[in-house]
Amino acid sequence: MHTTIFALFALALTVASNPFRRDNTVTAADIQKVDPKTASCDNSPAAGECRTAEQAAPYIAISYQNFGITSFGEQAALLALMLYESGDFKYAINHFPGVPGQGTRNMQSPAYNLKYAEWLSTVCMNCGITSAAISQAQAQGPAAVLALVNTDEWSFGSAAWYLATQCSADIRSGLSQGTQAGWEAYLQCVGTAANDERNALWSAAVALKQW
């Protein structure tokens, strides 16, 4: 069952308004058009971490709803970022070089995974993440904190959470325009930079023009 937290989220902060609200949502077929490698998890390199496009699509769709990601440009950028960071959805934990506590499909740093968990514990009362659970996880180490937010729902929701809570309205507006400049500004907000592989995934996603 997917947890819908958008009503609570809307009360927690002001989401950047966008006139290009979408009623359609991303599908497995869309994801496979962007990245055909997501069609299968055969011979996946990390046991238990791989998810196919079919498995991922519902969780990505609910993350857009939960965090008010309504423009196609924003949605396409989040999909492209997750595909790159997770190696075509093959990984949910950082294995190279193996930073303890780094993970989710957004490959968030341990510091942001803690912020994400704390945000969920405050805003969502039915998400299964409590302040007590966070304190216990912190005592065990960053890998335990990651485990709190690395279920399929919250792992595939991490990119949407980051955009909605850690990036400015200008970044979101730039993404909604679907431009290279908007994409590169978003990557700067994430703390990285464009490269050929990132750009190829983003270009393939925005080329669909709609879900």
N, C-alpha and C. Protein backbone atom coordinates (compact mmCIF):
# COMPACT_ATOMS: atom_id res chain seq x y z
N MET A 1 0.85 -1.20 0.00
CA MET A 1 0.00 0.00 0.00
C MET A 1 0.88 1.24 0.00
N HIS A 2 0.53 2.22 -0.83
CA HIS A 2 1.28 3.46 -0.89
C HIS A 2 0.73 4.44 0.14
N THR A 3 1.59 5.19 0.79
CA THR A 3 1.19 6.19 1.76
C THR A 3 1.08 7.54 1.07
N THR A 4 -0.10 8.14 1.11
CA THR A 4 -0.29 9.44 0.51
C THR A 4 -0.12 10.51 1.57
N ILE A 5 0.91 11.34 1.42
CA ILE A 5 1.19 12.35 2.44
C ILE A 5 1.07 13.75 1.90
N PHE A 6 0.57 13.90 0.65
CA PHE A 6 0.59 15.23 0.04
C PHE A 6 -0.25 16.22 0.83
N ALA A 7 -1.39 15.78 1.39
CA ALA A 7 -2.23 16.71 2.15
C ALA A 7 -1.46 17.26 3.34
N LEU A 8 -0.73 16.39 4.02
CA LEU A 8 0.09 16.84 5.15
C LEU A 8 1.24 17.69 4.66
N PHE A 9 1.83 17.29 3.55
CA PHE A 9 2.96 18.03 3.00
C PHE A 9 2.55 19.45 2.65
N ALA A 10 1.37 19.61 2.09
CA ALA A 10 0.91 20.93 1.69
C ALA A 10 0.78 21.86 2.89
N LEU A 11 0.50 21.29 4.04
CA LEU A 11 0.40 22.10 5.25
C LEU A 11 1.78 22.42 5.83
N ALA A 12 2.76 21.58 5.49
CA ALA A 12 4.08 21.74 6.10
C ALA A 12 4.93 22.80 5.43
N LEU A 13 4.76 23.00 4.14
CA LEU A 13 5.52 24.03 3.45
C LEU A 13 4.79 24.42 2.19
N THR A 14 5.17 25.57 1.65
CA THR A 14 4.54 26.05 0.43
C THR A 14 5.29 25.49 -0.76
N VAL A 15 4.58 24.71 -1.57
CA VAL A 15 5.18 24.13 -2.76
C VAL A 15 5.11 25.15 -3.88
N ALA A 16 6.18 25.26 -4.65
CA ALA A 16 6.20 26.21 -5.75
C ALA A 16 5.05 25.92 -6.70
N SER A 17 4.23 26.94 -6.97
CA SER A 17 3.09 26.74 -7.85
C SER A 17 3.57 26.61 -9.28
N ASN A 18 2.86 25.80 -10.05
CA ASN A 18 3.22 25.60 -11.45
C ASN A 18 1.95 25.48 -12.26
N PRO A 19 1.78 26.30 -13.31
CA PRO A 19 0.55 26.26 -14.09
C PRO A 19 0.42 25.01 -14.93
N PHE A 20 1.52 24.26 -15.11
CA PHE A 20 1.48 23.10 -15.99
C PHE A 20 1.27 21.83 -15.18
N ARG A 21 0.19 21.80 -14.44
CA ARG A 21 -0.11 20.63 -13.61
C ARG A 21 -0.46 19.45 -14.51
N ARG A 22 -0.03 18.25 -14.11
CA ARG A 22 -0.24 17.07 -14.94
C ARG A 22 -1.23 16.12 -14.28
N ASP A 23 -2.09 15.55 -15.11
CA ASP A 23 -3.03 14.56 -14.62
C ASP A 23 -2.55 13.14 -14.94
N ASN A 24 -1.67 12.99 -15.94
CA ASN A 24 -1.12 11.69 -16.27
C ASN A 24 0.07 11.41 -15.37
N THR A 25 0.50 10.17 -15.38
CA THR A 25 1.64 9.83 -14.54
C THR A 25 2.56 8.87 -15.25
N VAL A 26 3.77 8.78 -14.78
CA VAL A 26 4.79 7.96 -15.42
C VAL A 26 4.42 6.48 -15.34
N THR A 27 4.73 5.74 -16.39
CA THR A 27 4.45 4.31 -16.45
C THR A 27 5.74 3.54 -16.66
N ALA A 28 5.64 2.22 -16.50
CA ALA A 28 6.81 1.37 -16.75
C ALA A 28 7.28 1.50 -18.19
N ALA A 29 6.34 1.62 -19.12
CA ALA A 29 6.71 1.76 -20.53
C ALA A 29 7.51 3.05 -20.76
N ASP A 30 7.10 4.12 -20.09
CA ASP A 30 7.85 5.38 -20.20
C ASP A 30 9.28 5.21 -19.71
N ILE A 31 9.42 4.58 -18.56
CA ILE A 31 10.74 4.40 -17.97
C ILE A 31 11.64 3.57 -18.88
N GLN A 32 11.07 2.53 -19.47
CA GLN A 32 11.87 1.68 -20.35
C GLN A 32 12.27 2.39 -21.63
N LYS A 33 11.45 3.34 -22.08
CA LYS A 33 11.84 4.14 -23.25
C LYS A 33 13.06 4.99 -22.92
N VAL A 34 13.10 5.50 -21.71
CA VAL A 34 14.24 6.32 -21.29
C VAL A 34 15.47 5.45 -21.03
N ASP A 35 15.25 4.30 -20.40
CA ASP A 35 16.36 3.42 -20.02
C ASP A 35 15.93 1.97 -20.19
N PRO A 36 16.18 1.38 -21.35
CA PRO A 36 15.77 0.00 -21.61
C PRO A 36 16.34 -1.02 -20.62
N LYS A 37 17.43 -0.68 -19.94
CA LYS A 37 18.04 -1.62 -19.00
C LYS A 37 17.14 -1.89 -17.79
N THR A 38 16.12 -1.07 -17.60
CA THR A 38 15.23 -1.27 -16.45
C THR A 38 14.16 -2.32 -16.71
N ALA A 39 14.18 -2.94 -17.87
CA ALA A 39 13.16 -3.94 -18.20
C ALA A 39 13.30 -5.21 -17.37
N SER A 40 14.50 -5.49 -16.89
CA SER A 40 14.75 -6.75 -16.20
C SER A 40 15.76 -6.57 -15.08
N CYS A 41 15.65 -7.47 -14.10
CA CYS A 41 16.65 -7.52 -13.02
C CYS A 41 17.48 -8.80 -13.11
N ASP A 42 17.46 -9.44 -14.26
CA ASP A 42 18.28 -10.63 -14.43
C ASP A 42 19.75 -10.30 -14.24
N ASN A 43 20.43 -11.16 -13.50
CA ASN A 43 21.88 -10.99 -13.25
C ASN A 43 22.21 -9.65 -12.60
N SER A 44 21.33 -9.18 -11.73
CA SER A 44 21.58 -7.90 -11.06
C SER A 44 22.78 -8.04 -10.13
N PRO A 45 23.60 -6.99 -10.03
CA PRO A 45 24.87 -7.09 -9.30
C PRO A 45 24.76 -7.03 -7.78
N ALA A 46 23.67 -6.48 -7.26
CA ALA A 46 23.52 -6.34 -5.80
C ALA A 46 22.24 -7.04 -5.36
N ALA A 47 22.38 -8.11 -4.65
CA ALA A 47 21.24 -8.94 -4.28
C ALA A 47 20.18 -8.13 -3.54
N GLY A 48 18.96 -8.23 -4.02
CA GLY A 48 17.83 -7.60 -3.35
C GLY A 48 17.63 -6.13 -3.63
N GLU A 49 18.54 -5.50 -4.35
CA GLU A 49 18.44 -4.05 -4.56
C GLU A 49 17.78 -3.67 -5.89
N CYS A 50 17.89 -4.50 -6.89
CA CYS A 50 17.38 -4.14 -8.22
C CYS A 50 15.85 -4.09 -8.24
N ARG A 51 15.33 -3.11 -8.98
CA ARG A 51 13.90 -3.02 -9.25
C ARG A 51 13.72 -2.74 -10.74
N THR A 52 12.75 -3.41 -11.33
CA THR A 52 12.45 -3.18 -12.73
C THR A 52 11.61 -1.91 -12.87
N ALA A 53 11.46 -1.46 -14.11
CA ALA A 53 10.58 -0.32 -14.37
C ALA A 53 9.16 -0.61 -13.90
N GLU A 54 8.72 -1.85 -14.09
CA GLU A 54 7.38 -2.24 -13.67
C GLU A 54 7.22 -2.08 -12.16
N GLN A 55 8.23 -2.45 -11.41
CA GLN A 55 8.18 -2.33 -9.96
C GLN A 55 8.33 -0.88 -9.50
N ALA A 56 9.17 -0.13 -10.19
CA ALA A 56 9.48 1.23 -9.76
C ALA A 56 8.39 2.24 -10.07
N ALA A 57 7.73 2.09 -11.20
CA ALA A 57 6.80 3.12 -11.68
C ALA A 57 5.75 3.56 -10.66
N PRO A 58 5.08 2.63 -9.96
CA PRO A 58 4.06 3.09 -9.00
C PRO A 58 4.63 3.93 -7.87
N TYR A 59 5.82 3.58 -7.41
CA TYR A 59 6.43 4.34 -6.32
C TYR A 59 6.90 5.71 -6.78
N ILE A 60 7.40 5.80 -7.99
CA ILE A 60 7.79 7.10 -8.53
C ILE A 60 6.57 7.98 -8.72
N ALA A 61 5.50 7.39 -9.23
CA ALA A 61 4.27 8.15 -9.45
C ALA A 61 3.72 8.71 -8.14
N ILE A 62 3.72 7.90 -7.08
CA ILE A 62 3.18 8.37 -5.81
C ILE A 62 4.10 9.43 -5.20
N SER A 63 5.39 9.35 -5.50
CA SER A 63 6.29 10.39 -4.97
C SER A 63 5.99 11.74 -5.60
N TYR A 64 5.64 11.76 -6.88
CA TYR A 64 5.27 13.01 -7.53
C TYR A 64 4.04 13.60 -6.86
N GLN A 65 3.09 12.74 -6.54
CA GLN A 65 1.87 13.21 -5.87
C GLN A 65 2.17 13.68 -4.45
N ASN A 66 2.93 12.88 -3.72
CA ASN A 66 3.22 13.21 -2.33
C ASN A 66 3.93 14.55 -2.17
N PHE A 67 4.83 14.85 -3.08
CA PHE A 67 5.66 16.04 -2.92
C PHE A 67 5.33 17.15 -3.90
N GLY A 68 4.18 17.05 -4.55
CA GLY A 68 3.70 18.14 -5.38
C GLY A 68 4.56 18.41 -6.60
N ILE A 69 5.12 17.36 -7.19
CA ILE A 69 5.95 17.52 -8.39
C ILE A 69 5.01 17.40 -9.60
N THR A 70 4.53 18.53 -10.09
CA THR A 70 3.44 18.49 -11.06
C THR A 70 3.84 18.77 -12.50
N SER A 71 4.97 19.41 -12.75
CA SER A 71 5.34 19.70 -14.13
C SER A 71 6.10 18.52 -14.74
N PHE A 72 5.93 18.33 -16.03
CA PHE A 72 6.62 17.23 -16.70
C PHE A 72 8.13 17.41 -16.63
N GLY A 73 8.61 18.64 -16.77
CA GLY A 73 10.05 18.87 -16.73
C GLY A 73 10.67 18.45 -15.41
N GLU A 74 10.00 18.76 -14.30
CA GLU A 74 10.50 18.33 -12.99
C GLU A 74 10.48 16.81 -12.88
N GLN A 75 9.37 16.21 -13.29
CA GLN A 75 9.23 14.77 -13.19
C GLN A 75 10.28 14.05 -14.03
N ALA A 76 10.52 14.55 -15.24
CA ALA A 76 11.52 13.94 -16.11
C ALA A 76 12.92 14.05 -15.51
N ALA A 77 13.22 15.19 -14.90
CA ALA A 77 14.53 15.38 -14.28
C ALA A 77 14.75 14.42 -13.11
N LEU A 78 13.72 14.25 -12.29
CA LEU A 78 13.85 13.34 -11.15
C LEU A 78 14.06 11.92 -11.63
N LEU A 79 13.31 11.52 -12.66
CA LEU A 79 13.50 10.17 -13.20
C LEU A 79 14.92 9.99 -13.72
N ALA A 80 15.40 10.95 -14.49
CA ALA A 80 16.76 10.85 -15.04
C ALA A 80 17.80 10.77 -13.94
N LEU A 81 17.63 11.58 -12.90
CA LEU A 81 18.60 11.57 -11.80
C LEU A 81 18.62 10.22 -11.11
N MET A 82 17.44 9.68 -10.80
CA MET A 82 17.39 8.39 -10.12
C MET A 82 17.97 7.27 -10.97
N LEU A 83 17.68 7.29 -12.26
CA LEU A 83 18.22 6.25 -13.14
C LEU A 83 19.75 6.28 -13.14
N TYR A 84 20.31 7.47 -13.16
CA TYR A 84 21.77 7.58 -13.16
C TYR A 84 22.34 7.16 -11.81
N GLU A 85 21.81 7.73 -10.74
CA GLU A 85 22.40 7.51 -9.41
C GLU A 85 22.27 6.06 -8.96
N SER A 86 21.21 5.39 -9.36
CA SER A 86 20.99 4.01 -8.92
C SER A 86 21.47 2.98 -9.94
N GLY A 87 22.14 3.44 -11.00
CA GLY A 87 22.62 2.51 -12.01
C GLY A 87 21.52 1.72 -12.66
N ASP A 88 20.54 2.44 -13.23
CA ASP A 88 19.39 1.81 -13.90
C ASP A 88 18.51 1.05 -12.91
N PHE A 89 18.39 1.59 -11.70
CA PHE A 89 17.60 0.99 -10.61
C PHE A 89 18.20 -0.32 -10.10
N LYS A 90 19.47 -0.54 -10.38
CA LYS A 90 20.12 -1.78 -9.91
C LYS A 90 20.62 -1.66 -8.47
N TYR A 91 20.79 -0.42 -7.99
CA TYR A 91 21.35 -0.21 -6.66
C TYR A 91 20.46 0.71 -5.82
N ALA A 92 20.42 0.43 -4.51
CA ALA A 92 19.76 1.32 -3.56
C ALA A 92 20.71 1.73 -2.45
N ILE A 93 21.91 1.19 -2.49
CA ILE A 93 22.95 1.47 -1.50
C ILE A 93 24.24 1.79 -2.25
N ASN A 94 25.00 2.74 -1.74
CA ASN A 94 26.28 3.09 -2.37
C ASN A 94 27.29 1.97 -2.15
N HIS A 95 27.75 1.39 -3.24
CA HIS A 95 28.76 0.33 -3.18
C HIS A 95 30.13 0.79 -3.67
N PHE A 96 30.16 1.91 -4.37
CA PHE A 96 31.40 2.38 -5.00
C PHE A 96 31.60 3.86 -4.70
N PRO A 97 32.38 4.23 -3.71
CA PRO A 97 33.35 3.40 -2.99
C PRO A 97 32.78 2.68 -1.77
N GLY A 98 31.50 2.84 -1.50
CA GLY A 98 30.90 2.18 -0.36
C GLY A 98 30.82 3.07 0.86
N VAL A 99 30.20 4.24 0.70
CA VAL A 99 30.05 5.18 1.81
C VAL A 99 28.96 4.67 2.75
N PRO A 100 29.25 4.38 4.00
CA PRO A 100 28.24 3.87 4.92
C PRO A 100 27.08 4.86 5.07
N GLY A 101 25.87 4.37 4.87
CA GLY A 101 24.70 5.21 5.06
C GLY A 101 24.26 5.98 3.83
N GLN A 102 25.02 5.92 2.74
CA GLN A 102 24.60 6.60 1.52
C GLN A 102 23.76 5.65 0.68
N GLY A 103 22.62 6.15 0.23
CA GLY A 103 21.75 5.29 -0.57
C GLY A 103 20.42 5.94 -0.88
N THR A 104 19.43 5.13 -1.14
CA THR A 104 18.13 5.43 -1.77
C THR A 104 18.36 5.52 -3.26
N ARG A 105 17.29 5.60 -4.03
CA ARG A 105 17.45 5.66 -5.49
C ARG A 105 18.03 7.00 -5.92
N ASN A 106 18.06 7.94 -5.01
CA ASN A 106 18.69 9.24 -5.25
C ASN A 106 20.14 9.24 -4.80
N MET A 107 20.57 8.15 -4.17
CA MET A 107 21.91 8.03 -3.59
C MET A 107 22.24 9.23 -2.70
N GLN A 108 21.33 9.52 -1.79
CA GLN A 108 21.53 10.65 -0.88
C GLN A 108 22.65 10.36 0.11
N SER A 109 23.28 11.43 0.54
CA SER A 109 24.32 11.32 1.56
C SER A 109 23.67 10.97 2.89
N PRO A 110 24.45 10.44 3.83
CA PRO A 110 23.90 10.13 5.15
C PRO A 110 23.23 11.33 5.82
N ALA A 111 23.81 12.51 5.66
CA ALA A 111 23.23 13.70 6.29
C ALA A 111 21.82 13.98 5.77
N TYR A 112 21.63 13.83 4.48
CA TYR A 112 20.30 14.09 3.92
C TYR A 112 19.34 12.94 4.20
N ASN A 113 19.84 11.74 4.33
CA ASN A 113 18.95 10.65 4.71
C ASN A 113 18.41 10.87 6.12
N LEU A 114 19.24 11.42 7.00
CA LEU A 114 18.77 11.76 8.34
C LEU A 114 17.72 12.86 8.27
N LYS A 115 17.97 13.90 7.48
CA LYS A 115 16.98 14.97 7.32
C LYS A 115 15.67 14.43 6.76
N TYR A 116 15.78 13.55 5.80
CA TYR A 116 14.60 12.94 5.17
C TYR A 116 13.80 12.16 6.20
N ALA A 117 14.48 11.34 6.98
CA ALA A 117 13.80 10.56 8.02
C ALA A 117 13.13 11.47 9.04
N GLU A 118 13.84 12.52 9.46
CA GLU A 118 13.28 13.45 10.44
C GLU A 118 12.07 14.17 9.86
N TRP A 119 12.15 14.54 8.59
CA TRP A 119 11.01 15.21 7.94
C TRP A 119 9.80 14.28 7.92
N LEU A 120 10.00 13.04 7.52
CA LEU A 120 8.89 12.09 7.47
C LEU A 120 8.29 11.85 8.85
N SER A 121 9.14 11.78 9.86
CA SER A 121 8.64 11.53 11.21
C SER A 121 7.80 12.69 11.73
N THR A 122 8.07 13.89 11.23
CA THR A 122 7.35 15.08 11.68
C THR A 122 6.06 15.31 10.90
N VAL A 123 6.12 15.09 9.59
CA VAL A 123 5.01 15.46 8.71
C VAL A 123 4.02 14.32 8.51
N CYS A 124 4.50 13.11 8.52
CA CYS A 124 3.65 11.96 8.18
C CYS A 124 3.49 11.05 9.39
N MET A 125 2.28 10.98 9.88
CA MET A 125 2.03 10.19 11.08
C MET A 125 1.83 8.71 10.78
N ASN A 126 1.62 8.35 9.50
CA ASN A 126 1.39 6.95 9.16
C ASN A 126 2.47 6.39 8.25
N CYS A 127 3.65 6.99 8.31
CA CYS A 127 4.75 6.55 7.44
C CYS A 127 5.63 5.48 8.09
N GLY A 128 5.40 5.21 9.36
CA GLY A 128 6.17 4.18 10.03
C GLY A 128 7.56 4.59 10.47
N ILE A 129 7.84 5.90 10.45
CA ILE A 129 9.13 6.41 10.89
C ILE A 129 8.89 7.38 12.04
N THR A 130 9.34 7.04 13.22
CA THR A 130 9.12 7.86 14.41
C THR A 130 10.43 8.45 14.89
N SER A 131 10.32 9.47 15.73
CA SER A 131 11.54 10.07 16.30
C SER A 131 12.30 9.06 17.14
N ALA A 132 11.57 8.18 17.82
CA ALA A 132 12.24 7.15 18.62
C ALA A 132 13.02 6.19 17.72
N ALA A 133 12.42 5.83 16.60
CA ALA A 133 13.11 4.93 15.66
C ALA A 133 14.36 5.59 15.09
N ILE A 134 14.27 6.89 14.84
CA ILE A 134 15.43 7.61 14.32
C ILE A 134 16.55 7.66 15.35
N SER A 135 16.21 7.94 16.59
CA SER A 135 17.22 7.98 17.66
C SER A 135 17.91 6.63 17.80
N GLN A 136 17.12 5.57 17.74
CA GLN A 136 17.69 4.23 17.85
C GLN A 136 18.61 3.94 16.66
N ALA A 137 18.18 4.34 15.47
CA ALA A 137 19.00 4.11 14.28
C ALA A 137 20.30 4.91 14.34
N GLN A 138 20.22 6.15 14.81
CA GLN A 138 21.43 6.97 14.92
C GLN A 138 22.45 6.32 15.86
N ALA A 139 21.96 5.70 16.91
CA ALA A 139 22.86 5.04 17.84
C ALA A 139 23.57 3.84 17.20
N GLN A 140 22.91 3.26 16.20
CA GLN A 140 23.47 2.09 15.51
C GLN A 140 24.41 2.49 14.37
N GLY A 141 24.21 3.70 13.84
CA GLY A 141 25.08 4.16 12.76
C GLY A 141 24.31 4.57 11.52
N PRO A 142 25.00 5.20 10.55
CA PRO A 142 24.33 5.75 9.37
C PRO A 142 23.63 4.70 8.51
N ALA A 143 24.12 3.47 8.49
CA ALA A 143 23.46 2.43 7.70
C ALA A 143 22.07 2.14 8.24
N ALA A 144 21.91 2.22 9.55
CA ALA A 144 20.60 1.99 10.15
C ALA A 144 19.64 3.13 9.84
N VAL A 145 20.15 4.36 9.78
CA VAL A 145 19.31 5.49 9.38
C VAL A 145 18.87 5.32 7.93
N LEU A 146 19.80 4.92 7.08
CA LEU A 146 19.45 4.68 5.68
C LEU A 146 18.34 3.64 5.57
N ALA A 147 18.42 2.60 6.36
CA ALA A 147 17.42 1.53 6.29
C ALA A 147 16.01 2.06 6.54
N LEU A 148 15.88 3.10 7.35
CA LEU A 148 14.56 3.67 7.64
C LEU A 148 13.91 4.24 6.38
N VAL A 149 14.72 4.83 5.50
CA VAL A 149 14.17 5.52 4.33
C VAL A 149 14.46 4.76 3.03
N ASN A 150 14.92 3.52 3.14
CA ASN A 150 15.30 2.78 1.94
C ASN A 150 14.32 1.68 1.59
N THR A 151 13.11 1.77 2.13
CA THR A 151 12.04 0.92 1.61
C THR A 151 11.70 1.44 0.21
N ASP A 152 11.02 0.65 -0.58
CA ASP A 152 10.73 1.08 -1.96
C ASP A 152 10.02 2.42 -2.00
N GLU A 153 9.02 2.60 -1.15
CA GLU A 153 8.26 3.85 -1.22
C GLU A 153 9.12 5.07 -0.93
N TRP A 154 9.88 5.01 0.14
CA TRP A 154 10.66 6.20 0.51
C TRP A 154 11.96 6.29 -0.27
N SER A 155 12.51 5.16 -0.71
CA SER A 155 13.71 5.20 -1.53
C SER A 155 13.44 5.86 -2.88
N PHE A 156 12.34 5.48 -3.51
CA PHE A 156 11.97 6.11 -4.78
C PHE A 156 11.36 7.50 -4.57
N GLY A 157 11.06 7.85 -3.34
CA GLY A 157 10.54 9.19 -3.04
C GLY A 157 11.60 10.20 -2.68
N SER A 158 12.84 9.74 -2.51
CA SER A 158 13.89 10.62 -2.00
C SER A 158 14.20 11.78 -2.94
N ALA A 159 14.22 11.53 -4.23
CA ALA A 159 14.55 12.60 -5.18
C ALA A 159 13.48 13.68 -5.17
N ALA A 160 12.22 13.27 -5.09
CA ALA A 160 11.13 14.25 -5.04
C ALA A 160 11.18 15.05 -3.75
N TRP A 161 11.46 14.37 -2.63
CA TRP A 161 11.59 15.09 -1.35
C TRP A 161 12.70 16.12 -1.43
N TYR A 162 13.84 15.73 -1.97
CA TYR A 162 14.97 16.65 -2.03
C TYR A 162 14.63 17.87 -2.87
N LEU A 163 14.04 17.67 -4.03
CA LEU A 163 13.69 18.81 -4.88
C LEU A 163 12.71 19.73 -4.16
N ALA A 164 11.71 19.15 -3.51
CA ALA A 164 10.66 19.95 -2.89
C ALA A 164 11.12 20.68 -1.64
N THR A 165 12.10 20.14 -0.95
CA THR A 165 12.48 20.72 0.34
C THR A 165 13.87 21.35 0.38
N GLN A 166 14.74 20.98 -0.54
CA GLN A 166 16.12 21.45 -0.48
C GLN A 166 16.51 22.37 -1.64
N CYS A 167 15.70 22.43 -2.68
CA CYS A 167 15.99 23.28 -3.84
C CYS A 167 15.02 24.46 -3.87
N SER A 168 15.44 25.54 -4.47
CA SER A 168 14.64 26.77 -4.49
C SER A 168 13.53 26.71 -5.53
N ALA A 169 12.61 27.67 -5.41
CA ALA A 169 11.54 27.79 -6.39
C ALA A 169 12.10 28.08 -7.78
N ASP A 170 13.20 28.81 -7.84
CA ASP A 170 13.83 29.09 -9.14
C ASP A 170 14.33 27.82 -9.80
N ILE A 171 14.87 26.91 -9.02
CA ILE A 171 15.33 25.64 -9.57
C ILE A 171 14.16 24.87 -10.15
N ARG A 172 13.07 24.84 -9.42
CA ARG A 172 11.89 24.11 -9.89
C ARG A 172 11.31 24.75 -11.14
N SER A 173 11.29 26.06 -11.16
CA SER A 173 10.79 26.77 -12.33
C SER A 173 11.66 26.47 -13.55
N GLY A 174 12.97 26.44 -13.34
CA GLY A 174 13.88 26.13 -14.44
C GLY A 174 13.66 24.74 -14.99
N LEU A 175 13.43 23.78 -14.10
CA LEU A 175 13.17 22.41 -14.55
C LEU A 175 11.87 22.33 -15.34
N SER A 176 10.88 23.08 -14.91
CA SER A 176 9.58 23.01 -15.59
C SER A 176 9.67 23.48 -17.03
N GLN A 177 10.70 24.28 -17.34
CA GLN A 177 10.88 24.76 -18.71
C GLN A 177 11.55 23.70 -19.61
N GLY A 178 12.13 22.69 -19.00
CA GLY A 178 12.73 21.61 -19.78
C GLY A 178 13.99 22.00 -20.53
N THR A 179 14.75 22.94 -19.99
CA THR A 179 15.95 23.42 -20.68
C THR A 179 17.21 22.80 -20.09
N GLN A 180 18.27 22.79 -20.87
CA GLN A 180 19.57 22.31 -20.39
C GLN A 180 20.04 23.15 -19.21
N ALA A 181 19.82 24.45 -19.28
CA ALA A 181 20.23 25.33 -18.19
C ALA A 181 19.49 24.98 -16.91
N GLY A 182 18.20 24.70 -17.03
CA GLY A 182 17.42 24.32 -15.86
C GLY A 182 17.89 23.01 -15.27
N TRP A 183 18.22 22.06 -16.12
CA TRP A 183 18.74 20.77 -15.69
C TRP A 183 20.07 20.93 -14.97
N GLU A 184 20.97 21.72 -15.52
CA GLU A 184 22.28 21.90 -14.91
C GLU A 184 22.18 22.64 -13.57
N ALA A 185 21.26 23.59 -13.48
CA ALA A 185 21.06 24.29 -12.21
C ALA A 185 20.54 23.33 -11.14
N TYR A 186 19.65 22.44 -11.54
CA TYR A 186 19.14 21.43 -10.61
C TYR A 186 20.26 20.52 -10.12
N LEU A 187 21.12 20.09 -11.02
CA LEU A 187 22.24 19.24 -10.62
C LEU A 187 23.15 19.96 -9.63
N GLN A 188 23.32 21.25 -9.80
CA GLN A 188 24.11 22.02 -8.83
C GLN A 188 23.43 22.00 -7.47
N CYS A 189 22.11 22.09 -7.45
CA CYS A 189 21.38 22.02 -6.18
C CYS A 189 21.59 20.67 -5.51
N VAL A 190 21.65 19.63 -6.31
CA VAL A 190 21.87 18.28 -5.79
C VAL A 190 23.31 18.11 -5.31
N GLY A 191 24.21 18.93 -5.83
CA GLY A 191 25.60 18.85 -5.42
C GLY A 191 26.47 18.10 -6.40
N THR A 192 26.05 18.10 -7.67
CA THR A 192 26.84 17.41 -8.68
C THR A 192 26.83 18.24 -9.96
N ALA A 193 27.31 17.67 -11.04
CA ALA A 193 27.40 18.41 -12.30
C ALA A 193 26.99 17.50 -13.46
N ALA A 194 26.65 18.13 -14.56
CA ALA A 194 26.25 17.38 -15.75
C ALA A 194 27.43 16.62 -16.33
N ASN A 195 27.12 15.47 -16.94
CA ASN A 195 28.10 14.74 -17.75
C ASN A 195 27.33 14.08 -18.88
N ASP A 196 28.03 13.40 -19.76
CA ASP A 196 27.37 12.85 -20.95
C ASP A 196 26.28 11.84 -20.59
N GLU A 197 26.55 10.98 -19.62
CA GLU A 197 25.58 9.95 -19.28
C GLU A 197 24.35 10.55 -18.60
N ARG A 198 24.57 11.50 -17.70
CA ARG A 198 23.43 12.18 -17.08
C ARG A 198 22.59 12.89 -18.13
N ASN A 199 23.27 13.60 -19.02
CA ASN A 199 22.56 14.36 -20.05
C ASN A 199 21.77 13.46 -20.99
N ALA A 200 22.33 12.29 -21.29
CA ALA A 200 21.64 11.37 -22.19
C ALA A 200 20.32 10.89 -21.57
N LEU A 201 20.34 10.57 -20.29
CA LEU A 201 19.12 10.13 -19.62
C LEU A 201 18.10 11.26 -19.53
N TRP A 202 18.58 12.45 -19.19
CA TRP A 202 17.67 13.60 -19.12
C TRP A 202 17.08 13.91 -20.49
N SER A 203 17.90 13.90 -21.52
CA SER A 203 17.42 14.19 -22.87
C SER A 203 16.38 13.17 -23.31
N ALA A 204 16.61 11.89 -22.99
CA ALA A 204 15.65 10.85 -23.35
C ALA A 204 14.33 11.03 -22.62
N ALA A 205 14.41 11.47 -21.37
CA ALA A 205 13.19 11.67 -20.59
C ALA A 205 12.39 12.86 -21.10
N VAL A 206 13.03 14.00 -21.29
CA VAL A 206 12.29 15.19 -21.73
C VAL A 206 11.82 15.05 -23.16
N ALA A 207 12.48 14.21 -23.95
CA ALA A 207 12.06 14.01 -25.34
C ALA A 207 10.69 13.36 -25.44
N LEU A 208 10.26 12.67 -24.38
CA LEU A 208 8.93 12.06 -24.39
C LEU A 208 7.83 13.12 -24.37
N LYS A 209 8.13 14.28 -23.83
CA LYS A 209 7.24 15.45 -23.78
C LYS A 209 6.04 15.27 -22.86
N GLN A 210 5.61 14.08 -22.64
CA GLN A 210 4.51 13.82 -21.70
C GLN A 210 4.52 12.33 -21.36
N TRP A 211 3.89 12.01 -20.25
CA TRP A 211 3.74 10.60 -19.88
C TRP A 211 2.47 10.09 -20.53
